């Protein structure tokens, strides 16, 4: 009988936990993208040494320009040019296909009285 009393409380607590979104640091986001490149594009260690600072700088600048869509688009173009100069043709093709898919996703717009996570 006591279980039935606690069941609604457990549902409420579980629902709050499911809405929490992690906020990653620029370094962590760059690291995750590097890992994707190693796994999917099979980049060489020499390419990794060149591309790591580019990805980190992009993520840091992206955080600074979070309120300016125009600046973020400019940063994406600069990142694409830098990455294109490092990757070979086939690697860049796979990279750009992924970027197009990510950029085509709808941007989340938070409205109402709640705060974006």
N, C-alpha and C. Protein backbone atom coordinates (compact mmCIF):
# COMPACT_ATOMS: atom_id res chain seq x y z
N UNK A 1 0.81 -1.19 0.00
CA UNK A 1 0.00 0.00 0.00
C UNK A 1 0.86 1.26 0.00
N UNK A 2 1.99 1.23 0.69
CA UNK A 2 2.87 2.38 0.74
C UNK A 2 3.49 2.66 -0.63
N UNK A 3 3.69 1.62 -1.41
CA UNK A 3 4.27 1.78 -2.74
C UNK A 3 3.41 2.69 -3.61
N UNK A 4 2.12 2.57 -3.50
CA UNK A 4 1.21 3.39 -4.29
C UNK A 4 1.29 4.87 -3.93
N UNK A 5 1.66 5.17 -2.70
CA UNK A 5 1.83 6.56 -2.29
C UNK A 5 3.08 7.18 -2.90
N UNK A 6 4.13 6.39 -3.00
CA UNK A 6 5.41 6.90 -3.50
C UNK A 6 5.52 6.86 -5.02
N UNK A 7 4.67 6.13 -5.67
CA UNK A 7 4.74 6.01 -7.12
C UNK A 7 4.62 7.36 -7.84
N UNK A 8 3.66 8.21 -7.50
CA UNK A 8 3.59 9.52 -8.17
C UNK A 8 4.83 10.39 -7.92
N UNK A 9 5.40 10.29 -6.73
CA UNK A 9 6.60 11.06 -6.42
C UNK A 9 7.76 10.60 -7.30
N UNK A 10 7.88 9.30 -7.49
CA UNK A 10 8.95 8.76 -8.33
C UNK A 10 8.77 9.20 -9.78
N UNK A 11 7.54 9.24 -10.27
CA UNK A 11 7.31 9.71 -11.64
C UNK A 11 7.71 11.16 -11.81
N UNK A 12 7.39 11.98 -10.84
CA UNK A 12 7.75 13.40 -10.91
C UNK A 12 9.26 13.57 -10.91
N UNK A 13 9.95 12.88 -10.03
CA UNK A 13 11.40 12.98 -9.97
C UNK A 13 12.06 12.49 -11.25
N UNK A 14 11.56 11.43 -11.81
CA UNK A 14 12.10 10.91 -13.07
C UNK A 14 11.87 11.88 -14.22
N UNK A 15 10.75 12.56 -14.22
CA UNK A 15 10.48 13.50 -15.31
C UNK A 15 11.42 14.69 -15.23
N UNK A 16 11.77 15.17 -14.03
CA UNK A 16 12.72 16.27 -13.91
C UNK A 16 14.10 15.85 -14.41
N UNK A 17 14.51 14.66 -14.08
CA UNK A 17 15.83 14.18 -14.50
C UNK A 17 15.91 14.03 -16.02
N UNK A 18 14.81 13.71 -16.66
CA UNK A 18 14.86 13.50 -18.11
C UNK A 18 14.95 14.81 -18.88
N UNK A 19 14.59 15.94 -18.28
CA UNK A 19 14.66 17.23 -18.97
C UNK A 19 16.01 17.92 -18.81
N UNK A 20 16.84 17.49 -17.91
CA UNK A 20 18.14 18.12 -17.70
C UNK A 20 19.05 17.85 -18.89
N UNK A 21 19.58 18.90 -19.47
CA UNK A 21 20.49 18.78 -20.60
C UNK A 21 21.90 19.13 -20.14
N UNK A 22 22.88 18.34 -20.46
CA UNK A 22 24.24 18.67 -20.04
C UNK A 22 24.76 19.90 -20.79
N UNK A 23 25.53 20.68 -20.10
CA UNK A 23 26.16 21.85 -20.71
C UNK A 23 27.65 21.52 -20.79
N UNK A 24 28.14 21.32 -22.01
CA UNK A 24 29.53 20.91 -22.20
C UNK A 24 30.41 22.13 -22.36
N UNK A 25 31.61 22.04 -21.87
CA UNK A 25 32.59 23.11 -22.03
C UNK A 25 33.10 23.09 -23.47
N UNK A 26 33.68 24.19 -23.94
CA UNK A 26 34.22 24.20 -25.31
C UNK A 26 35.27 23.11 -25.52
N UNK A 27 36.09 22.87 -24.51
CA UNK A 27 37.11 21.83 -24.62
C UNK A 27 36.51 20.44 -24.79
N UNK A 28 35.44 20.18 -24.05
CA UNK A 28 34.79 18.87 -24.14
C UNK A 28 34.11 18.70 -25.50
N UNK A 29 33.45 19.76 -26.00
CA UNK A 29 32.80 19.67 -27.32
C UNK A 29 33.84 19.45 -28.42
N UNK A 30 34.98 20.15 -28.33
CA UNK A 30 36.05 19.96 -29.32
C UNK A 30 36.59 18.54 -29.23
N UNK A 31 36.74 18.03 -28.02
CA UNK A 31 37.24 16.67 -27.83
C UNK A 31 36.28 15.64 -28.43
N UNK A 32 34.98 15.85 -28.25
CA UNK A 32 34.00 14.91 -28.82
C UNK A 32 34.03 14.95 -30.35
N UNK A 33 34.22 16.15 -30.92
CA UNK A 33 34.30 16.24 -32.37
C UNK A 33 35.58 15.59 -32.89
N UNK A 34 36.68 15.76 -32.16
CA UNK A 34 37.94 15.10 -32.53
C UNK A 34 37.76 13.59 -32.53
N UNK A 35 37.08 13.08 -31.50
CA UNK A 35 36.85 11.64 -31.41
C UNK A 35 36.01 11.15 -32.59
N UNK A 36 34.99 11.93 -32.97
CA UNK A 36 34.18 11.56 -34.12
C UNK A 36 35.05 11.52 -35.38
N UNK A 37 35.93 12.50 -35.53
CA UNK A 37 36.80 12.54 -36.71
C UNK A 37 37.74 11.35 -36.75
N UNK A 38 38.28 10.98 -35.60
CA UNK A 38 39.16 9.81 -35.55
C UNK A 38 38.40 8.54 -35.92
N UNK A 39 37.19 8.39 -35.38
CA UNK A 39 36.41 7.19 -35.61
C UNK A 39 35.84 7.13 -37.02
N UNK A 40 35.34 8.23 -37.53
CA UNK A 40 34.62 8.22 -38.80
C UNK A 40 35.47 8.60 -40.00
N UNK A 41 36.38 9.54 -39.81
CA UNK A 41 37.18 10.02 -40.94
C UNK A 41 38.56 9.37 -40.99
N UNK A 42 38.95 8.69 -39.93
CA UNK A 42 40.24 8.02 -39.84
C UNK A 42 41.39 9.00 -40.13
N UNK A 43 41.39 10.12 -39.40
CA UNK A 43 42.42 11.12 -39.64
C UNK A 43 43.74 10.65 -39.03
N UNK A 44 44.82 11.11 -39.60
CA UNK A 44 46.16 10.72 -39.17
C UNK A 44 46.56 11.55 -37.94
N UNK A 45 47.58 11.08 -37.21
CA UNK A 45 48.06 11.88 -36.07
C UNK A 45 48.53 13.28 -36.49
N UNK A 46 49.14 13.38 -37.66
CA UNK A 46 49.59 14.70 -38.15
C UNK A 46 48.39 15.62 -38.39
N UNK A 47 47.32 15.07 -38.96
CA UNK A 47 46.11 15.86 -39.18
C UNK A 47 45.49 16.25 -37.84
N UNK A 48 45.54 15.34 -36.87
CA UNK A 48 44.96 15.61 -35.56
C UNK A 48 45.67 16.77 -34.88
N UNK A 49 46.99 16.82 -35.01
CA UNK A 49 47.75 17.92 -34.40
C UNK A 49 47.36 19.27 -35.01
N UNK A 50 47.04 19.27 -36.29
CA UNK A 50 46.66 20.51 -36.95
C UNK A 50 45.21 20.89 -36.66
N UNK A 51 44.35 19.89 -36.55
CA UNK A 51 42.92 20.17 -36.45
C UNK A 51 42.46 20.45 -35.01
N UNK A 52 43.15 19.93 -34.02
CA UNK A 52 42.75 20.12 -32.62
C UNK A 52 42.64 21.60 -32.23
N UNK A 53 43.66 22.43 -32.52
CA UNK A 53 43.53 23.85 -32.15
C UNK A 53 42.42 24.57 -32.90
N UNK A 54 42.16 24.15 -34.13
CA UNK A 54 41.09 24.77 -34.93
C UNK A 54 39.74 24.51 -34.27
N UNK A 55 39.50 23.26 -33.88
CA UNK A 55 38.22 22.88 -33.27
C UNK A 55 38.04 23.57 -31.91
N UNK A 56 39.10 23.62 -31.12
CA UNK A 56 39.00 24.26 -29.80
C UNK A 56 38.73 25.76 -29.95
N UNK A 57 39.46 26.42 -30.85
CA UNK A 57 39.26 27.86 -31.05
C UNK A 57 37.84 28.14 -31.53
N UNK A 58 37.34 27.31 -32.45
CA UNK A 58 35.98 27.48 -32.95
C UNK A 58 34.96 27.37 -31.81
N UNK A 59 35.09 26.36 -30.97
CA UNK A 59 34.14 26.17 -29.88
C UNK A 59 34.20 27.33 -28.88
N UNK A 60 35.40 27.84 -28.61
CA UNK A 60 35.53 28.96 -27.68
C UNK A 60 34.90 30.23 -28.27
N UNK A 61 35.16 30.49 -29.54
CA UNK A 61 34.58 31.66 -30.20
C UNK A 61 33.06 31.53 -30.32
N UNK A 62 32.59 30.31 -30.54
CA UNK A 62 31.15 30.07 -30.65
C UNK A 62 30.45 30.42 -29.34
N UNK A 63 31.08 30.08 -28.21
CA UNK A 63 30.50 30.43 -26.91
C UNK A 63 30.44 31.94 -26.71
N UNK A 64 31.47 32.65 -27.16
CA UNK A 64 31.50 34.10 -27.02
C UNK A 64 30.42 34.77 -27.87
N UNK A 65 30.11 34.16 -29.02
CA UNK A 65 29.16 34.75 -29.97
C UNK A 65 27.80 34.07 -29.90
N UNK A 66 27.42 33.56 -28.76
CA UNK A 66 26.17 32.78 -28.68
C UNK A 66 24.92 33.60 -28.96
N UNK A 67 25.00 34.92 -28.85
CA UNK A 67 23.83 35.75 -29.11
C UNK A 67 23.78 36.31 -30.53
N UNK A 68 24.83 36.06 -31.31
CA UNK A 68 24.90 36.61 -32.66
C UNK A 68 24.91 35.50 -33.71
N UNK A 69 23.77 35.31 -34.38
CA UNK A 69 23.69 34.28 -35.41
C UNK A 69 24.63 34.59 -36.58
N UNK A 70 24.74 35.85 -36.93
CA UNK A 70 25.60 36.25 -38.04
C UNK A 70 27.06 35.89 -37.75
N UNK A 71 27.52 36.16 -36.54
CA UNK A 71 28.89 35.85 -36.15
C UNK A 71 29.10 34.33 -36.12
N UNK A 72 28.12 33.59 -35.65
CA UNK A 72 28.26 32.13 -35.62
C UNK A 72 28.35 31.55 -37.03
N UNK A 73 27.58 32.10 -37.96
CA UNK A 73 27.67 31.63 -39.34
C UNK A 73 29.05 31.94 -39.93
N UNK A 74 29.57 33.10 -39.61
CA UNK A 74 30.91 33.46 -40.07
C UNK A 74 31.95 32.49 -39.48
N UNK A 75 31.80 32.17 -38.21
CA UNK A 75 32.71 31.22 -37.56
C UNK A 75 32.64 29.84 -38.22
N UNK A 76 31.43 29.40 -38.59
CA UNK A 76 31.27 28.10 -39.25
C UNK A 76 31.99 28.09 -40.60
N UNK A 77 31.86 29.18 -41.34
CA UNK A 77 32.55 29.25 -42.64
C UNK A 77 34.07 29.22 -42.45
N UNK A 78 34.57 29.96 -41.46
CA UNK A 78 36.01 29.96 -41.19
C UNK A 78 36.49 28.57 -40.77
N UNK A 79 35.71 27.90 -39.93
CA UNK A 79 36.06 26.54 -39.49
C UNK A 79 36.08 25.59 -40.68
N UNK A 80 35.08 25.69 -41.55
CA UNK A 80 35.02 24.82 -42.73
C UNK A 80 36.25 25.01 -43.62
N UNK A 81 36.66 26.26 -43.83
CA UNK A 81 37.85 26.53 -44.65
C UNK A 81 39.10 25.93 -44.02
N UNK A 82 39.25 26.12 -42.71
CA UNK A 82 40.42 25.59 -42.02
C UNK A 82 40.44 24.06 -42.06
N UNK A 83 39.29 23.45 -41.83
CA UNK A 83 39.21 21.98 -41.85
C UNK A 83 39.46 21.45 -43.25
N UNK A 84 38.96 22.15 -44.26
CA UNK A 84 39.14 21.72 -45.64
C UNK A 84 40.62 21.71 -46.04
N UNK A 85 41.37 22.67 -45.50
CA UNK A 85 42.79 22.72 -45.82
C UNK A 85 43.58 21.60 -45.15
N UNK A 86 43.03 21.00 -44.12
CA UNK A 86 43.72 19.93 -43.38
C UNK A 86 43.33 18.54 -43.88
N UNK A 87 42.05 18.34 -44.13
CA UNK A 87 41.56 17.02 -44.54
C UNK A 87 41.75 16.79 -46.02
N UNK A 88 41.79 15.52 -46.42
CA UNK A 88 41.82 15.23 -47.86
C UNK A 88 40.39 15.31 -48.41
N UNK A 89 40.27 15.15 -49.70
CA UNK A 89 38.99 15.37 -50.38
C UNK A 89 37.87 14.46 -49.86
N UNK A 90 38.15 13.17 -49.72
CA UNK A 90 37.12 12.24 -49.25
C UNK A 90 36.74 12.48 -47.78
N UNK A 91 37.74 12.78 -46.96
CA UNK A 91 37.46 13.06 -45.56
C UNK A 91 36.60 14.32 -45.43
N UNK A 92 36.94 15.34 -46.20
CA UNK A 92 36.17 16.58 -46.12
C UNK A 92 34.74 16.37 -46.60
N UNK A 93 34.56 15.53 -47.60
CA UNK A 93 33.22 15.25 -48.11
C UNK A 93 32.34 14.64 -47.00
N UNK A 94 32.88 13.67 -46.26
CA UNK A 94 32.15 13.06 -45.15
C UNK A 94 31.91 14.07 -44.03
N UNK A 95 32.93 14.87 -43.73
CA UNK A 95 32.81 15.89 -42.69
C UNK A 95 31.71 16.89 -43.04
N UNK A 96 31.72 17.37 -44.28
CA UNK A 96 30.76 18.40 -44.67
C UNK A 96 29.33 17.85 -44.73
N UNK A 97 29.19 16.59 -45.11
CA UNK A 97 27.87 15.96 -45.13
C UNK A 97 27.29 15.95 -43.71
N UNK A 98 28.11 15.61 -42.74
CA UNK A 98 27.66 15.62 -41.34
C UNK A 98 27.32 17.04 -40.89
N UNK A 99 28.14 18.01 -41.23
CA UNK A 99 27.90 19.39 -40.84
C UNK A 99 26.59 19.91 -41.44
N UNK A 100 26.32 19.57 -42.68
CA UNK A 100 25.07 20.01 -43.32
C UNK A 100 23.87 19.43 -42.58
N UNK A 101 23.97 18.15 -42.18
CA UNK A 101 22.88 17.51 -41.46
C UNK A 101 22.65 18.19 -40.10
N UNK A 102 23.73 18.50 -39.41
CA UNK A 102 23.62 19.14 -38.10
C UNK A 102 23.04 20.54 -38.25
N UNK A 103 23.51 21.29 -39.24
CA UNK A 103 23.07 22.67 -39.42
C UNK A 103 21.64 22.76 -39.93
N UNK A 104 21.14 21.70 -40.52
CA UNK A 104 19.76 21.69 -41.02
C UNK A 104 18.75 21.44 -39.91
N UNK A 105 19.23 20.97 -38.77
CA UNK A 105 18.33 20.71 -37.65
C UNK A 105 17.74 22.04 -37.17
N UNK A 106 16.48 22.02 -36.79
CA UNK A 106 15.87 23.27 -36.33
C UNK A 106 16.53 23.76 -35.05
N UNK A 107 16.69 25.06 -34.98
CA UNK A 107 17.27 25.68 -33.81
C UNK A 107 16.23 25.70 -32.70
N UNK A 108 16.62 25.35 -31.51
CA UNK A 108 15.69 25.34 -30.38
C UNK A 108 15.43 26.77 -29.93
N UNK A 109 14.18 27.09 -29.81
CA UNK A 109 13.78 28.41 -29.32
C UNK A 109 12.99 28.19 -28.04
N UNK A 110 13.48 28.77 -26.97
CA UNK A 110 12.81 28.63 -25.69
C UNK A 110 11.93 29.84 -25.45
N UNK A 111 10.65 29.59 -25.21
CA UNK A 111 9.71 30.66 -24.93
C UNK A 111 9.05 30.39 -23.60
N UNK A 112 8.43 31.36 -23.09
CA UNK A 112 7.72 31.17 -21.83
C UNK A 112 8.56 31.55 -20.65
N UNK A 113 8.12 31.18 -19.48
CA UNK A 113 8.75 31.59 -18.24
C UNK A 113 9.89 30.71 -17.80
N UNK A 114 10.16 29.64 -18.49
CA UNK A 114 11.25 28.77 -18.06
C UNK A 114 12.58 29.23 -18.63
N UNK A 115 13.63 28.75 -18.04
CA UNK A 115 14.96 29.14 -18.47
C UNK A 115 15.58 28.01 -19.28
N UNK A 116 16.26 28.36 -20.35
CA UNK A 116 16.91 27.34 -21.18
C UNK A 116 18.07 26.73 -20.42
N UNK A 117 18.28 25.44 -20.57
CA UNK A 117 19.36 24.76 -19.89
C UNK A 117 20.59 24.78 -20.69
